[in-house]
């Protein structure tokens, strides 16, 4: 196992602007930054629906983890940031559909976001396979 440390970027306009990476890989871990539901493959659009934002966030996270040699099933911790308590159940349902045993740990926080259209941001830590 290597001690090499490397970054993964997703093409988010925020990565360059705010000076961060989508993920840092430090064997055996993958640390994925808070990921909002923007679809950068389609011009940076974002749904107004919290559940759909969560799904898009998980899609971006999944693509990032694949680049690191990991997957959604390797996630050990999820931090969920929500703009409104009203969206807790909808986003929780998406997470429940995504993760199976052993499910990752989870912390949910209600907070404000820099961009008004954001309703959900997910941050994960995963193990890197082999």
Protein backbone atom coordinates (compact mmCIF):
# COMPACT_ATOMS: atom_id res chain seq x y z
CA UNK A 1 0.00 0.00 0.00
CA UNK A 2 1.31 3.40 -0.96
CA UNK A 3 1.42 6.51 1.19
CA UNK A 4 0.95 8.62 -1.94
CA UNK A 5 -1.55 11.43 -1.64
CA UNK A 6 -3.45 12.61 -4.71
CA UNK A 7 -6.49 14.63 -5.66
CA UNK A 8 -9.56 14.13 -7.81
CA UNK A 9 -11.48 16.99 -9.39
CA UNK A 10 -14.97 16.77 -10.87
CA UNK A 11 -15.13 19.88 -13.03
CA UNK A 12 -17.22 21.84 -10.56
CA UNK A 13 -16.78 25.58 -11.02
CA UNK A 14 -16.63 25.83 -7.23
CA UNK A 15 -13.46 23.70 -6.96
CA UNK A 16 -11.35 26.22 -8.83
CA UNK A 17 -13.09 29.27 -7.37
CA UNK A 18 -12.84 28.13 -3.72
CA UNK A 19 -9.49 26.31 -4.03
CA UNK A 20 -10.44 22.77 -3.05
CA UNK A 21 -10.48 19.27 -4.54
CA UNK A 22 -13.52 17.05 -4.93
CA UNK A 23 -11.54 14.36 -3.14
CA UNK A 24 -8.22 13.58 -1.54
CA UNK A 25 -6.97 10.01 -1.70
CA UNK A 26 -4.60 9.04 1.08
CA UNK A 27 -4.36 5.24 1.20
CA UNK A 28 -6.40 3.55 2.46
CA UNK A 29 -8.91 6.43 2.62
CA UNK A 30 -10.87 8.60 0.21
CA UNK A 31 -12.14 11.90 1.62
CA UNK A 32 -14.82 13.45 -0.58
CA UNK A 33 -15.65 17.14 -0.13
CA UNK A 34 -19.17 18.31 0.47
CA UNK A 35 -20.95 17.66 -2.81
CA UNK A 36 -24.08 19.52 -3.85
CA UNK A 37 -26.58 18.34 -6.44
CA UNK A 38 -25.24 20.30 -9.40
CA UNK A 39 -25.06 18.38 -12.67
CA UNK A 40 -21.86 19.72 -14.20
CA UNK A 41 -22.14 17.34 -17.16
CA UNK A 42 -25.26 19.33 -18.14
CA UNK A 43 -24.02 22.88 -17.67
CA UNK A 44 -24.13 23.01 -13.88
CA UNK A 45 -27.89 22.72 -13.56
CA UNK A 46 -29.52 21.87 -10.23
CA UNK A 47 -32.99 20.53 -9.47
CA UNK A 48 -35.29 22.39 -7.09
CA UNK A 49 -36.17 19.04 -5.44
CA UNK A 50 -34.09 18.00 -2.41
CA UNK A 51 -34.35 14.27 -3.15
CA UNK A 52 -33.18 14.82 -6.74
CA UNK A 53 -30.31 16.99 -5.48
CA UNK A 54 -29.29 14.12 -3.18
CA UNK A 55 -29.40 11.65 -6.07
CA UNK A 56 -27.22 13.90 -8.24
CA UNK A 57 -24.82 14.44 -5.35
CA UNK A 58 -24.52 10.67 -4.92
CA UNK A 59 -23.92 10.28 -8.68
CA UNK A 60 -21.04 12.77 -8.51
CA UNK A 61 -19.70 11.07 -5.38
CA UNK A 62 -19.93 7.64 -7.04
CA UNK A 63 -17.99 8.85 -10.09
CA UNK A 64 -15.37 10.38 -7.80
CA UNK A 65 -15.01 7.20 -5.76
CA UNK A 66 -14.63 5.11 -8.93
CA UNK A 67 -11.69 7.30 -9.97
CA UNK A 68 -10.14 6.57 -6.56
CA UNK A 69 -10.65 2.81 -6.80
CA UNK A 70 -13.58 2.82 -4.41
CA UNK A 71 -17.40 2.79 -4.56
CA UNK A 72 -20.54 3.81 -2.72
CA UNK A 73 -20.45 0.45 -0.88
CA UNK A 74 -17.05 1.42 0.57
CA UNK A 75 -18.39 4.55 2.30
CA UNK A 76 -17.98 4.43 6.07
CA UNK A 77 -19.23 7.94 6.96
CA UNK A 78 -21.81 10.30 5.48
CA UNK A 79 -22.37 13.87 6.58
CA UNK A 80 -25.66 15.30 5.35
CA UNK A 81 -26.14 19.06 5.28
CA UNK A 82 -29.68 20.32 4.66
CA UNK A 83 -31.08 23.81 4.30
CA UNK A 84 -34.44 22.77 5.81
CA UNK A 85 -35.74 20.22 8.29
CA UNK A 86 -38.62 19.74 5.85
CA UNK A 87 -36.26 17.79 3.54
CA UNK A 88 -34.90 15.33 6.12
CA UNK A 89 -37.29 12.49 5.27
CA UNK A 90 -37.00 12.87 1.47
CA UNK A 91 -33.19 12.85 1.58
CA UNK A 92 -33.14 10.06 4.18
CA UNK A 93 -35.25 7.94 1.83
CA UNK A 94 -32.71 8.42 -0.98
CA UNK A 95 -29.87 7.42 1.35
CA UNK A 96 -31.85 4.39 2.54
CA UNK A 97 -32.33 3.29 -1.06
CA UNK A 98 -28.63 3.79 -1.83
CA UNK A 99 -26.89 2.12 1.10
CA UNK A 100 -27.19 -1.46 2.32
CA UNK A 101 -25.63 -3.31 5.23
CA UNK A 102 -23.23 -2.48 6.54
CA UNK A 103 -24.62 1.03 6.24
CA UNK A 104 -22.28 3.96 6.80
CA UNK A 105 -22.45 6.18 9.84
CA UNK A 106 -24.47 9.35 9.34
CA UNK A 107 -24.63 12.84 10.79
CA UNK A 108 -27.32 15.24 9.58
CA UNK A 109 -26.98 18.99 10.08
CA UNK A 110 -29.44 21.76 9.25
CA UNK A 111 -27.52 24.78 7.95
CA UNK A 112 -27.37 27.63 5.46
CA UNK A 113 -25.60 27.41 2.11
CA UNK A 114 -23.63 29.93 0.08
CA UNK A 115 -25.85 29.32 -2.95
CA UNK A 116 -29.58 29.82 -2.42
CA UNK A 117 -30.63 27.00 -4.78
CA UNK A 118 -28.76 24.38 -2.73
CA UNK A 119 -30.91 22.23 -0.47
CA UNK A 120 -28.53 19.32 0.14
CA UNK A 121 -24.79 18.73 0.39
CA UNK A 122 -23.26 15.32 1.10
CA UNK A 123 -19.73 14.68 2.39
CA UNK A 124 -18.32 11.15 2.62
CA UNK A 125 -15.32 9.17 3.76
CA UNK A 126 -14.68 5.80 2.11
CA UNK A 127 -12.13 3.02 2.21
CA UNK A 128 -10.04 2.56 -0.91
CA UNK A 129 -9.94 -1.01 -2.11
CA UNK A 130 -6.67 -2.87 -2.46
